[in-house]
């Protein structure tokens, strides 16, 4: 056996993963039943600011990076309250509008690099937004005002065309 031959590594096995389909074409092959997330965006509300952070789609938003999350609130005694609001947009003959929205709470202690969130709640609330529901009852007046301001600033036409139910919730 020659000693100068390069070693060949075994090919890596592909892991099965959930697919995120970004277009609305229907298919019945592998990955059928995947959720189309192209119409939903995450808004972060943190420290008096509301902003869109697409990294939250995969738990990699600016506030989540480097944080070890636990489902036990007691592990984050000094955590600040941060919100993710899942915002679904839809279009009808009159144009786009904010069709569904749901807010999720988490606690983040940046110094300790610890956080609290309940992943199942985040998934269920994202699903509710995708199903065109509004779940914003856990937001306080300040968070509602920040969210309303961001939605109006992002697209005033969408805000104006949105259901009165949403406008009343964020009033």
N, C-alpha and C. Protein backbone atom coordinates (compact mmCIF):
# COMPACT_ATOMS: atom_id res chain seq x y z
N UNK A 1 0.83 -1.19 0.00
CA UNK A 1 0.00 0.00 0.00
C UNK A 1 0.88 1.25 0.00
N UNK A 2 0.62 2.16 -0.94
CA UNK A 2 1.42 3.38 -1.01
C UNK A 2 1.00 4.34 0.08
N UNK A 3 1.96 5.04 0.65
CA UNK A 3 1.67 5.97 1.74
C UNK A 3 1.30 7.36 1.25
N UNK A 4 1.53 7.66 -0.02
CA UNK A 4 1.26 9.00 -0.52
C UNK A 4 -0.12 9.16 -1.12
N UNK A 5 -0.93 8.10 -1.08
CA UNK A 5 -2.27 8.22 -1.65
C UNK A 5 -3.16 9.01 -0.69
N UNK A 6 -3.91 9.98 -1.22
CA UNK A 6 -4.82 10.72 -0.34
C UNK A 6 -5.95 9.83 0.12
N UNK A 7 -6.35 10.01 1.37
CA UNK A 7 -7.46 9.22 1.90
C UNK A 7 -8.77 9.79 1.39
N UNK A 8 -9.65 8.90 1.02
CA UNK A 8 -10.98 9.34 0.57
C UNK A 8 -11.94 9.19 1.73
N UNK A 9 -12.66 10.27 2.02
CA UNK A 9 -13.63 10.19 3.11
C UNK A 9 -14.95 9.65 2.56
N UNK A 10 -15.68 9.00 3.43
CA UNK A 10 -16.99 8.46 3.03
C UNK A 10 -17.93 9.60 2.71
N UNK A 11 -18.76 9.44 1.69
CA UNK A 11 -19.70 10.51 1.36
C UNK A 11 -20.69 10.71 2.51
N UNK A 12 -21.02 11.98 2.77
CA UNK A 12 -21.96 12.30 3.85
C UNK A 12 -23.37 11.90 3.45
N UNK A 13 -24.10 11.35 4.39
CA UNK A 13 -25.50 11.00 4.15
C UNK A 13 -26.33 12.27 4.22
N UNK A 14 -27.26 12.40 3.31
CA UNK A 14 -28.17 13.54 3.36
C UNK A 14 -29.19 13.30 4.45
N UNK A 15 -29.42 14.31 5.27
CA UNK A 15 -30.42 14.22 6.32
C UNK A 15 -31.76 14.69 5.79
N UNK A 16 -32.82 14.03 6.21
CA UNK A 16 -34.16 14.47 5.84
C UNK A 16 -34.52 15.68 6.68
N UNK A 17 -35.13 16.65 6.09
CA UNK A 17 -35.54 17.85 6.81
C UNK A 17 -36.88 18.33 6.28
N UNK A 18 -37.55 19.11 7.08
CA UNK A 18 -38.79 19.72 6.62
C UNK A 18 -38.45 20.75 5.56
N UNK A 19 -39.22 20.78 4.53
CA UNK A 19 -39.00 21.74 3.46
C UNK A 19 -39.83 22.97 3.69
N UNK A 20 -39.28 24.10 3.35
CA UNK A 20 -40.04 25.34 3.33
C UNK A 20 -40.15 25.73 1.88
N UNK A 21 -41.34 25.68 1.36
CA UNK A 21 -41.60 25.96 -0.05
C UNK A 21 -41.90 27.45 -0.17
N UNK A 22 -41.18 28.14 -1.06
CA UNK A 22 -41.38 29.58 -1.17
C UNK A 22 -42.27 29.97 -2.33
N UNK A 23 -42.84 29.00 -3.04
CA UNK A 23 -43.81 29.36 -4.06
C UNK A 23 -45.08 28.56 -3.80
N UNK A 24 -46.13 28.90 -4.47
CA UNK A 24 -47.41 28.28 -4.14
C UNK A 24 -47.80 27.14 -5.08
N UNK A 25 -46.86 26.59 -5.84
CA UNK A 25 -47.17 25.49 -6.74
C UNK A 25 -47.50 24.24 -5.92
N UNK A 26 -48.58 23.60 -6.26
CA UNK A 26 -48.99 22.37 -5.58
C UNK A 26 -48.22 21.20 -6.19
N UNK A 27 -47.78 20.29 -5.35
CA UNK A 27 -47.16 19.08 -5.84
C UNK A 27 -47.49 17.96 -4.87
N UNK A 28 -47.33 16.73 -5.33
CA UNK A 28 -47.71 15.60 -4.49
C UNK A 28 -46.53 14.66 -4.25
N UNK A 29 -45.31 15.14 -4.44
CA UNK A 29 -44.14 14.30 -4.25
C UNK A 29 -43.58 14.42 -2.84
N UNK A 30 -42.31 14.09 -2.72
CA UNK A 30 -41.64 14.18 -1.43
C UNK A 30 -41.70 15.62 -0.92
N UNK A 31 -42.05 15.80 0.33
CA UNK A 31 -42.16 17.14 0.89
C UNK A 31 -43.56 17.71 0.77
N UNK A 32 -44.49 16.96 0.18
CA UNK A 32 -45.87 17.44 0.08
C UNK A 32 -46.40 17.66 1.49
N UNK A 33 -47.18 18.69 1.65
CA UNK A 33 -47.70 19.02 2.97
C UNK A 33 -46.84 20.04 3.67
N UNK A 34 -45.78 20.50 3.03
CA UNK A 34 -44.95 21.54 3.61
C UNK A 34 -45.73 22.84 3.67
N UNK A 35 -45.34 23.68 4.60
CA UNK A 35 -46.04 24.94 4.80
C UNK A 35 -45.40 26.02 3.94
N UNK A 36 -46.20 26.80 3.25
CA UNK A 36 -45.71 27.93 2.45
C UNK A 36 -45.58 29.14 3.38
N UNK A 37 -44.34 29.51 3.67
CA UNK A 37 -44.08 30.62 4.59
C UNK A 37 -43.73 31.91 3.85
N UNK A 38 -43.95 31.94 2.54
CA UNK A 38 -43.56 33.11 1.76
C UNK A 38 -44.42 34.33 2.07
N UNK A 39 -45.57 34.14 2.71
CA UNK A 39 -46.46 35.26 3.01
C UNK A 39 -46.41 35.68 4.47
N UNK A 40 -45.43 35.19 5.24
CA UNK A 40 -45.34 35.55 6.65
C UNK A 40 -43.95 36.14 6.94
N UNK A 41 -43.94 37.14 7.78
CA UNK A 41 -42.69 37.79 8.19
C UNK A 41 -42.70 38.00 9.69
N UNK A 42 -41.54 37.88 10.32
CA UNK A 42 -41.46 38.11 11.76
C UNK A 42 -41.07 39.56 12.08
N UNK A 43 -41.80 40.13 13.02
CA UNK A 43 -41.47 41.45 13.55
C UNK A 43 -40.99 41.25 14.98
N UNK A 44 -39.87 41.85 15.32
CA UNK A 44 -39.33 41.80 16.68
C UNK A 44 -39.68 43.12 17.36
N UNK A 45 -40.16 43.02 18.60
CA UNK A 45 -40.38 44.21 19.43
C UNK A 45 -39.48 44.04 20.64
N UNK A 46 -38.50 44.94 20.76
CA UNK A 46 -37.49 44.83 21.81
C UNK A 46 -36.98 46.21 22.19
N UNK A 47 -36.98 46.49 23.46
CA UNK A 47 -36.41 47.72 24.01
C UNK A 47 -36.92 48.97 23.30
N UNK A 48 -38.22 49.06 23.16
CA UNK A 48 -38.83 50.25 22.58
C UNK A 48 -38.71 50.39 21.08
N UNK A 49 -38.41 49.31 20.39
CA UNK A 49 -38.24 49.35 18.93
C UNK A 49 -38.95 48.15 18.30
N UNK A 50 -39.55 48.36 17.15
CA UNK A 50 -40.16 47.28 16.37
C UNK A 50 -39.47 47.27 15.01
N UNK A 51 -39.06 46.07 14.57
CA UNK A 51 -38.37 45.95 13.29
C UNK A 51 -38.58 44.54 12.73
N UNK A 52 -38.45 44.43 11.42
CA UNK A 52 -38.56 43.14 10.74
C UNK A 52 -37.20 42.46 10.80
N UNK A 53 -37.18 41.20 11.20
CA UNK A 53 -35.94 40.43 11.27
C UNK A 53 -36.23 39.03 10.73
N UNK A 54 -35.91 38.79 9.47
CA UNK A 54 -36.20 37.51 8.83
C UNK A 54 -35.44 36.35 9.47
N UNK A 55 -34.39 36.63 10.21
CA UNK A 55 -33.66 35.58 10.91
C UNK A 55 -34.52 34.84 11.91
N UNK A 56 -35.56 35.48 12.41
CA UNK A 56 -36.46 34.84 13.38
C UNK A 56 -37.19 33.65 12.78
N UNK A 57 -37.27 33.56 11.47
CA UNK A 57 -37.92 32.41 10.83
C UNK A 57 -37.24 31.10 11.24
N UNK A 58 -35.95 31.19 11.56
CA UNK A 58 -35.18 30.01 11.95
C UNK A 58 -34.54 30.19 13.32
N UNK A 59 -35.18 30.99 14.18
CA UNK A 59 -34.69 31.27 15.54
C UNK A 59 -33.29 31.87 15.51
N UNK A 60 -33.00 32.69 14.50
CA UNK A 60 -31.69 33.31 14.37
C UNK A 60 -31.80 34.83 14.21
N UNK A 61 -32.77 35.41 14.90
CA UNK A 61 -32.90 36.87 14.86
C UNK A 61 -31.74 37.49 15.64
N UNK A 62 -31.59 38.78 15.51
CA UNK A 62 -30.52 39.50 16.20
C UNK A 62 -30.55 39.23 17.70
N UNK A 63 -31.73 39.21 18.31
CA UNK A 63 -31.83 39.01 19.76
C UNK A 63 -31.67 37.55 20.17
N UNK A 64 -31.88 36.60 19.25
CA UNK A 64 -31.80 35.18 19.58
C UNK A 64 -30.40 34.59 19.40
N UNK A 65 -29.58 35.22 18.56
CA UNK A 65 -28.25 34.69 18.28
C UNK A 65 -27.41 34.60 19.55
N UNK A 66 -26.81 33.45 19.76
CA UNK A 66 -25.93 33.25 20.90
C UNK A 66 -26.64 33.01 22.22
N UNK A 67 -27.95 32.88 22.19
CA UNK A 67 -28.74 32.68 23.41
C UNK A 67 -29.14 31.21 23.51
N UNK A 68 -28.94 30.63 24.68
CA UNK A 68 -29.39 29.26 24.95
C UNK A 68 -30.77 29.35 25.59
N UNK A 69 -31.78 28.85 24.87
CA UNK A 69 -33.16 28.94 25.33
C UNK A 69 -33.57 27.72 26.13
N UNK A 70 -34.41 27.97 27.11
CA UNK A 70 -34.96 26.92 27.97
C UNK A 70 -36.46 27.12 28.07
N UNK A 71 -37.22 26.04 28.25
CA UNK A 71 -38.66 26.20 28.47
C UNK A 71 -39.00 26.54 29.93
N UNK A 72 -37.96 26.66 30.78
CA UNK A 72 -38.14 26.96 32.21
C UNK A 72 -37.86 28.45 32.45
N UNK A 73 -38.90 29.20 32.76
CA UNK A 73 -38.79 30.64 32.98
C UNK A 73 -37.85 30.99 34.13
N UNK A 74 -37.75 30.09 35.11
CA UNK A 74 -36.92 30.33 36.29
C UNK A 74 -35.43 30.44 35.96
N UNK A 75 -35.01 29.93 34.79
CA UNK A 75 -33.60 29.98 34.42
C UNK A 75 -33.19 31.34 33.88
N UNK A 76 -34.16 32.25 33.74
CA UNK A 76 -33.88 33.57 33.18
C UNK A 76 -34.47 34.66 34.10
N UNK A 77 -33.98 34.75 35.34
CA UNK A 77 -34.59 35.70 36.29
C UNK A 77 -34.40 37.17 35.90
N UNK A 78 -33.35 37.47 35.13
CA UNK A 78 -33.08 38.85 34.74
C UNK A 78 -33.37 39.12 33.27
N UNK A 79 -34.19 38.29 32.68
CA UNK A 79 -34.48 38.43 31.25
C UNK A 79 -35.40 39.61 30.96
N UNK A 80 -35.17 40.25 29.83
CA UNK A 80 -36.07 41.32 29.37
C UNK A 80 -37.09 40.70 28.43
N UNK A 81 -38.26 41.27 28.42
CA UNK A 81 -39.34 40.75 27.58
C UNK A 81 -39.12 41.20 26.13
N UNK A 82 -39.14 40.24 25.22
CA UNK A 82 -38.99 40.48 23.79
C UNK A 82 -40.16 39.77 23.12
N UNK A 83 -40.68 40.38 22.06
CA UNK A 83 -41.83 39.81 21.34
C UNK A 83 -41.45 39.50 19.92
N UNK A 84 -41.95 38.37 19.42
CA UNK A 84 -41.94 38.08 17.98
C UNK A 84 -43.40 38.13 17.56
N UNK A 85 -43.68 38.91 16.54
CA UNK A 85 -45.04 38.98 15.99
C UNK A 85 -44.97 38.43 14.58
N UNK A 86 -45.71 37.34 14.36
CA UNK A 86 -45.78 36.73 13.03
C UNK A 86 -46.84 37.49 12.24
N UNK A 87 -46.45 38.06 11.12
CA UNK A 87 -47.33 38.90 10.31
C UNK A 87 -47.54 38.23 8.95
N UNK A 88 -48.79 37.87 8.66
CA UNK A 88 -49.13 37.27 7.37
C UNK A 88 -49.77 38.34 6.49
N UNK A 89 -49.35 38.37 5.25
CA UNK A 89 -49.86 39.34 4.28
C UNK A 89 -50.63 38.58 3.21
N UNK A 90 -51.72 39.17 2.75
CA UNK A 90 -52.50 38.55 1.69
C UNK A 90 -52.89 39.64 0.69
N UNK A 91 -53.42 39.23 -0.43
CA UNK A 91 -53.85 40.17 -1.48
C UNK A 91 -55.24 39.78 -1.94
N UNK A 92 -56.05 40.79 -2.22
CA UNK A 92 -57.34 40.56 -2.87
C UNK A 92 -57.44 41.54 -4.03
N UNK A 93 -58.61 41.67 -4.61
CA UNK A 93 -58.76 42.52 -5.79
C UNK A 93 -58.44 43.99 -5.51
N UNK A 94 -58.50 44.41 -4.26
CA UNK A 94 -58.20 45.80 -3.91
C UNK A 94 -56.75 46.02 -3.53
N UNK A 95 -55.98 44.94 -3.36
CA UNK A 95 -54.56 45.07 -3.03
C UNK A 95 -54.17 44.27 -1.80
N UNK A 96 -52.96 44.52 -1.30
CA UNK A 96 -52.43 43.80 -0.16
C UNK A 96 -52.99 44.32 1.16
N UNK A 97 -52.91 43.44 2.17
CA UNK A 97 -53.35 43.83 3.52
C UNK A 97 -52.73 42.88 4.54
N UNK A 98 -52.73 43.31 5.79
CA UNK A 98 -52.23 42.49 6.89
C UNK A 98 -53.34 41.52 7.29
N UNK A 99 -53.19 40.26 6.87
CA UNK A 99 -54.29 39.29 6.95
C UNK A 99 -54.32 38.48 8.24
N UNK A 100 -53.18 38.28 8.88
CA UNK A 100 -53.12 37.51 10.11
C UNK A 100 -51.93 37.96 10.93
N UNK A 101 -52.04 37.84 12.24
CA UNK A 101 -50.97 38.33 13.09
C UNK A 101 -51.06 37.67 14.45
N UNK A 102 -49.92 37.22 14.98
CA UNK A 102 -49.91 36.62 16.31
C UNK A 102 -48.59 36.94 17.01
N UNK A 103 -48.69 37.32 18.27
CA UNK A 103 -47.51 37.71 19.05
C UNK A 103 -47.10 36.61 20.02
N UNK A 104 -45.78 36.45 20.17
CA UNK A 104 -45.20 35.43 21.05
C UNK A 104 -44.19 36.11 21.98
N UNK A 105 -44.26 35.73 23.23
CA UNK A 105 -43.36 36.30 24.23
C UNK A 105 -42.12 35.42 24.38
N UNK A 106 -41.00 36.07 24.69
CA UNK A 106 -39.81 35.37 25.13
C UNK A 106 -39.05 36.29 26.08
N UNK A 107 -38.21 35.72 26.91
CA UNK A 107 -37.34 36.48 27.80
C UNK A 107 -35.92 36.26 27.34
N UNK A 108 -35.12 37.33 27.33
CA UNK A 108 -33.73 37.24 26.89
C UNK A 108 -32.85 37.97 27.89
N UNK A 109 -31.83 37.27 28.37
CA UNK A 109 -30.79 37.87 29.21
C UNK A 109 -29.51 37.81 28.40
N UNK A 110 -29.20 38.91 27.72
CA UNK A 110 -28.07 38.95 26.79
C UNK A 110 -26.75 38.70 27.52
N UNK A 111 -26.58 39.30 28.71
CA UNK A 111 -25.33 39.13 29.46
C UNK A 111 -25.09 37.68 29.83
N UNK A 112 -26.11 37.02 30.35
CA UNK A 112 -25.99 35.62 30.77
C UNK A 112 -26.13 34.66 29.59
N UNK A 113 -26.50 35.18 28.42
CA UNK A 113 -26.70 34.38 27.21
C UNK A 113 -27.73 33.28 27.43
N UNK A 114 -28.78 33.63 28.16
CA UNK A 114 -29.87 32.70 28.47
C UNK A 114 -31.18 33.31 28.01
N UNK A 115 -32.12 32.43 27.68
CA UNK A 115 -33.43 32.91 27.28
C UNK A 115 -34.50 31.90 27.60
N UNK A 116 -35.73 32.37 27.56
CA UNK A 116 -36.89 31.52 27.78
C UNK A 116 -37.87 31.74 26.64
N UNK A 117 -38.35 30.65 26.10
CA UNK A 117 -39.47 30.69 25.17
C UNK A 117 -40.05 29.29 25.08
N UNK A 118 -41.30 29.24 24.69
CA UNK A 118 -41.96 27.95 24.52
C UNK A 118 -42.15 27.77 23.01
N UNK A 119 -41.31 26.93 22.44
CA UNK A 119 -41.29 26.74 21.00
C UNK A 119 -42.66 26.35 20.45
N UNK A 120 -43.36 25.47 21.16
CA UNK A 120 -44.69 25.04 20.69
C UNK A 120 -45.64 26.23 20.57
N UNK A 121 -45.56 27.17 21.50
CA UNK A 121 -46.40 28.36 21.45
C UNK A 121 -46.06 29.21 20.22
N UNK A 122 -44.76 29.35 19.94
CA UNK A 122 -44.33 30.13 18.77
C UNK A 122 -44.84 29.47 17.48
N UNK A 123 -44.74 28.16 17.40
CA UNK A 123 -45.20 27.44 16.20
C UNK A 123 -46.72 27.56 16.06
N UNK A 124 -47.44 27.36 17.15
CA UNK A 124 -48.90 27.45 17.11
C UNK A 124 -49.38 28.84 16.73
N UNK A 125 -48.70 29.85 17.23
CA UNK A 125 -49.10 31.23 16.93
C UNK A 125 -48.73 31.61 15.49
N UNK A 126 -47.61 31.10 14.99
CA UNK A 126 -47.28 31.33 13.58
C UNK A 126 -48.36 30.70 12.71
N UNK A 127 -48.77 29.50 13.08
CA UNK A 127 -49.82 28.80 12.35
C UNK A 127 -51.13 29.61 12.38
N UNK A 128 -51.45 30.20 13.52
CA UNK A 128 -52.67 31.02 13.62
C UNK A 128 -52.59 32.22 12.68
N UNK A 129 -51.42 32.86 12.61
CA UNK A 129 -51.25 34.00 11.69
C UNK A 129 -51.43 33.54 10.25
N UNK A 130 -50.85 32.39 9.91
CA UNK A 130 -50.99 31.85 8.56
C UNK A 130 -52.45 31.52 8.23
N UNK A 131 -53.22 31.18 9.25
CA UNK A 131 -54.64 30.88 9.07
C UNK A 131 -55.51 32.13 9.17
N UNK A 132 -54.87 33.29 9.09
CA UNK A 132 -55.55 34.59 9.02
C UNK A 132 -56.30 34.94 10.30
N UNK A 133 -55.67 34.62 11.45
CA UNK A 133 -56.24 34.99 12.75
C UNK A 133 -55.38 36.08 13.35
N UNK A 134 -55.97 36.83 14.28
CA UNK A 134 -55.25 37.87 15.01
C UNK A 134 -55.19 37.46 16.48
N UNK A 135 -53.98 37.21 16.99
CA UNK A 135 -53.77 36.87 18.39
C UNK A 135 -52.76 37.86 18.96
N UNK A 136 -53.26 38.97 19.44
CA UNK A 136 -52.39 40.04 19.94
C UNK A 136 -52.75 40.45 21.37
N UNK A 137 -53.56 39.64 22.04
CA UNK A 137 -54.05 39.98 23.36
C UNK A 137 -52.96 40.04 24.42
N UNK A 138 -51.79 39.42 24.19
CA UNK A 138 -50.74 39.43 25.18
C UNK A 138 -49.82 40.66 25.08
N UNK A 139 -50.02 41.51 24.09
CA UNK A 139 -49.22 42.73 23.95
C UNK A 139 -49.80 43.84 24.81
N UNK A 140 -48.89 44.65 25.37
CA UNK A 140 -49.31 45.82 26.13
C UNK A 140 -49.49 47.02 25.21
N UNK A 141 -49.97 48.13 25.76
CA UNK A 141 -50.21 49.34 24.94
C UNK A 141 -48.97 49.85 24.20
N UNK A 142 -47.80 49.79 24.85
CA UNK A 142 -46.57 50.28 24.21
C UNK A 142 -46.20 49.40 23.01
N UNK A 143 -46.28 48.07 23.19
CA UNK A 143 -45.95 47.16 22.10
C UNK A 143 -46.93 47.30 20.95
N UNK A 144 -48.22 47.48 21.28
CA UNK A 144 -49.23 47.66 20.23
C UNK A 144 -48.96 48.92 19.42
N UNK A 145 -48.58 49.98 20.10
CA UNK A 145 -48.28 51.25 19.41
C UNK A 145 -47.06 51.10 18.51
N UNK A 146 -46.03 50.40 19.00
CA UNK A 146 -44.83 50.18 18.18
C UNK A 146 -45.14 49.34 16.95
N UNK A 147 -45.94 48.31 17.14
CA UNK A 147 -46.32 47.43 16.02
C UNK A 147 -47.16 48.20 15.01
N UNK A 148 -48.15 48.93 15.49
CA UNK A 148 -49.00 49.73 14.60
C UNK A 148 -48.15 50.71 13.79
N UNK A 149 -47.23 51.39 14.45
CA UNK A 149 -46.35 52.34 13.76
C UNK A 149 -45.52 51.67 12.67
N UNK A 150 -44.96 50.50 12.98
CA UNK A 150 -44.16 49.80 11.98
C UNK A 150 -45.01 49.36 10.79
N UNK A 151 -46.19 48.82 11.06
CA UNK A 151 -47.06 48.36 9.98
C UNK A 151 -47.48 49.52 9.08
N UNK A 152 -47.81 50.65 9.68
CA UNK A 152 -48.22 51.82 8.90
C UNK A 152 -47.06 52.37 8.08
N UNK A 153 -45.88 52.41 8.70
CA UNK A 153 -44.69 52.93 8.03
C UNK A 153 -44.24 51.99 6.91
N UNK A 154 -44.32 50.69 7.16
CA UNK A 154 -43.86 49.71 6.17
C UNK A 154 -44.70 49.79 4.89
N UNK A 155 -46.03 49.85 5.05
CA UNK A 155 -46.89 49.96 3.87
C UNK A 155 -48.25 50.53 4.29
N UNK A 156 -48.39 51.83 4.11
CA UNK A 156 -49.63 52.52 4.53
C UNK A 156 -50.85 51.98 3.77
N UNK A 157 -50.69 51.61 2.52
CA UNK A 157 -51.82 51.06 1.75
C UNK A 157 -52.29 49.74 2.35
N UNK A 158 -51.35 48.87 2.72
CA UNK A 158 -51.72 47.60 3.35
C UNK A 158 -52.46 47.85 4.66
N UNK A 159 -51.95 48.81 5.44
CA UNK A 159 -52.60 49.13 6.72
C UNK A 159 -54.02 49.64 6.48
N UNK A 160 -54.18 50.55 5.55
CA UNK A 160 -55.50 51.13 5.27
C UNK A 160 -56.48 50.07 4.77
N UNK A 161 -55.99 49.08 4.05
CA UNK A 161 -56.83 48.03 3.48
C UNK A 161 -57.07 46.86 4.46
N UNK A 162 -56.38 46.87 5.60
CA UNK A 162 -56.51 45.79 6.58
C UNK A 162 -57.86 45.84 7.29
N UNK A 163 -58.34 44.70 7.80
CA UNK A 163 -59.63 44.66 8.49
C UNK A 163 -59.67 45.58 9.71
N UNK A 164 -60.84 46.11 9.98
CA UNK A 164 -61.04 46.99 11.12
C UNK A 164 -60.72 46.26 12.43
N UNK A 165 -60.95 44.96 12.46
CA UNK A 165 -60.65 44.15 13.65
C UNK A 165 -59.19 44.35 14.08
N UNK A 166 -58.27 44.32 13.13
CA UNK A 166 -56.85 44.51 13.44
C UNK A 166 -56.60 45.93 13.95
N UNK A 167 -57.16 46.91 13.26
CA UNK A 167 -56.97 48.30 13.66
C UNK A 167 -57.49 48.55 15.06
N UNK A 168 -58.62 47.94 15.41
CA UNK A 168 -59.17 48.08 16.76
C UNK A 168 -58.27 47.43 17.80
N UNK A 169 -57.69 46.27 17.47
CA UNK A 169 -56.81 45.58 18.40
C UNK A 169 -55.55 46.41 18.71
N UNK A 170 -55.08 47.14 17.71
CA UNK A 170 -53.85 47.91 17.87
C UNK A 170 -54.10 49.39 18.18
N UNK A 171 -55.35 49.73 18.47
CA UNK A 171 -55.69 51.14 18.78
C UNK A 171 -55.20 51.53 20.16
